[in-house]
Amino acid sequence: MLFTYLIALLWVLQRISLGKAYPLMALAFVLVTIGSHLGFGERFQPLYFLGVIFIGVGMSLPCEPKIL
């Protein structure tokens, strides 16, 4: 599994810049958390969801258009 992840990561980094790829990697953490809560009914502490929100906000910051 780790080998497949590393190959996929190298493939992605060859095609797009690190500044765009890194937020997408963090998006996987957010999607897995939300999916496990909705799909499997897992329960998390409120602070865990607060951390997921912070990750989501942090991912959106580099994507904001620059205002001149």
C-alpha atoms as a PDB file:
ATOM      1  CA  MET A   1       0.000   0.000   0.000  1.00  0.00           C
ATOM      2  CA  LEU A   2       2.797   2.410   0.901  1.00  0.00           C
ATOM      3  CA  PHE A   3       4.595   1.635  -2.348  1.00  0.00           C
ATOM      4  CA  THR A   4       1.454   2.440  -4.350  1.00  0.00           C
ATOM      5  CA  TYR A   5       1.026   5.700  -2.446  1.00  0.00           C
ATOM      6  CA  LEU A   6       4.615   6.759  -3.153  1.00  0.00           C
ATOM      7  CA  ILE A   7       4.327   5.944  -6.850  1.00  0.00           C
ATOM      8  CA  ALA A   8       1.064   7.900  -7.082  1.00  0.00           C
ATOM      9  CA  LEU A   9       2.597  10.836  -5.204  1.00  0.00           C
ATOM     10  CA  LEU A  10       5.600  10.951  -7.538  1.00  0.00           C
ATOM     11  CA  TRP A  11       3.309  10.759 -10.560  1.00  0.00           C
ATOM     12  CA  VAL A  12       1.217  13.684  -9.278  1.00  0.00           C
ATOM     13  CA  LEU A  13       4.280  15.783  -8.407  1.00  0.00           C
ATOM     14  CA  GLN A  14       5.597  15.356 -11.941  1.00  0.00           C
ATOM     15  CA  ARG A  15       2.426  16.861 -13.355  1.00  0.00           C
ATOM     16  CA  ILE A  16       1.487  19.689 -10.980  1.00  0.00           C
ATOM     17  CA  SER A  17       3.393  21.945  -8.613  1.00  0.00           C
ATOM     18  CA  LEU A  18       3.885  21.125  -4.956  1.00  0.00           C
ATOM     19  CA  GLY A  19       1.858  24.188  -3.971  1.00  0.00           C
ATOM     20  CA  LYS A  20      -1.202  22.633  -5.575  1.00  0.00           C
ATOM     21  CA  ALA A  21      -0.521  18.990  -4.699  1.00  0.00           C
ATOM     22  CA  TYR A  22      -0.012  19.443  -0.950  1.00  0.00           C
ATOM     23  CA  PRO A  23      -3.481  20.892  -0.243  1.00  0.00           C
ATOM     24  CA  LEU A  24      -4.998  17.991  -2.187  1.00  0.00           C
ATOM     25  CA  MET A  25      -3.175  15.546   0.095  1.00  0.00           C
ATOM     26  CA  ALA A  26      -4.692  17.306   3.106  1.00  0.00           C
ATOM     27  CA  LEU A  27      -8.096  17.080   1.456  1.00  0.00           C
ATOM     28  CA  ALA A  28      -7.852  13.289   1.690  1.00  0.00           C
ATOM     29  CA  PHE A  29      -7.657  13.560   5.489  1.00  0.00           C
ATOM     30  CA  VAL A  30     -10.785  15.714   5.565  1.00  0.00           C
ATOM     31  CA  LEU A  31     -12.726  13.446   3.181  1.00  0.00           C
ATOM     32  CA  VAL A  32     -11.837  10.267   5.073  1.00  0.00           C
ATOM     33  CA  THR A  33     -12.957  11.840   8.344  1.00  0.00           C
ATOM     34  CA  ILE A  34     -16.270  13.046   6.944  1.00  0.00           C
ATOM     35  CA  GLY A  35     -16.849   9.794   5.061  1.00  0.00           C
ATOM     36  CA  SER A  36     -16.209   7.626   8.118  1.00  0.00           C
ATOM     37  CA  HIS A  37     -18.593   9.750  10.159  1.00  0.00           C
ATOM     38  CA  LEU A  38     -21.376   9.702   7.563  1.00  0.00           C
ATOM     39  CA  GLY A  39     -20.834   6.225   6.150  1.00  0.00           C
ATOM     40  CA  PHE A  40     -19.924   4.208   9.228  1.00  0.00           C
ATOM     41  CA  GLY A  41     -21.343   6.351  12.013  1.00  0.00           C
ATOM     42  CA  GLU A  42     -17.991   6.831  13.737  1.00  0.00           C
ATOM     43  CA  ARG A  43     -18.040   9.311  16.554  1.00  0.00           C
ATOM     44  CA  PHE A  44     -15.308  11.867  17.044  1.00  0.00           C
ATOM     45  CA  GLN A  45     -14.598  14.408  19.726  1.00  0.00           C
ATOM     46  CA  PRO A  46     -15.602  18.011  18.905  1.00  0.00           C
ATOM     47  CA  LEU A  47     -11.937  19.047  18.999  1.00  0.00           C
ATOM     48  CA  TYR A  48     -11.210  16.503  16.261  1.00  0.00           C
ATOM     49  CA  PHE A  49     -13.766  18.161  13.996  1.00  0.00           C
ATOM     50  CA  LEU A  50     -12.334  21.548  14.932  1.00  0.00           C
ATOM     51  CA  GLY A  51      -8.967  20.277  13.689  1.00  0.00           C
ATOM     52  CA  VAL A  52     -10.579  19.117  10.441  1.00  0.00           C
ATOM     53  CA  ILE A  53     -12.095  22.582  10.008  1.00  0.00           C
ATOM     54  CA  PHE A  54      -8.671  24.179  10.551  1.00  0.00           C
ATOM     55  CA  ILE A  55      -7.186  21.873   7.916  1.00  0.00           C
ATOM     56  CA  GLY A  56      -9.977  22.828   5.503  1.00  0.00           C
ATOM     57  CA  VAL A  57      -9.377  26.530   6.084  1.00  0.00           C
ATOM     58  CA  GLY A  58      -5.644  26.029   5.680  1.00  0.00           C
ATOM     59  CA  MET A  59      -6.211  24.247   2.369  1.00  0.00           C
ATOM     60  CA  SER A  60      -8.358  27.065   1.042  1.00  0.00           C
ATOM     61  CA  LEU A  61      -5.863  29.838   1.822  1.00  0.00           C
ATOM     62  CA  PRO A  62      -3.380  29.057  -0.971  1.00  0.00           C
ATOM     63  CA  CYS A  63      -6.282  28.752  -3.404  1.00  0.00           C
ATOM     64  CA  GLU A  64      -7.529  32.289  -2.819  1.00  0.00           C
ATOM     65  CA  PRO A  65      -7.009  34.582  -5.799  1.00  0.00           C
ATOM     66  CA  LYS A  66      -4.509  37.345  -5.217  1.00  0.00           C
ATOM     67  CA  ILE A  67      -6.069  40.785  -4.846  1.00  0.00           C
ATOM     68  CA  LEU A  68      -3.909  43.581  -6.225  1.00  0.00           C
END
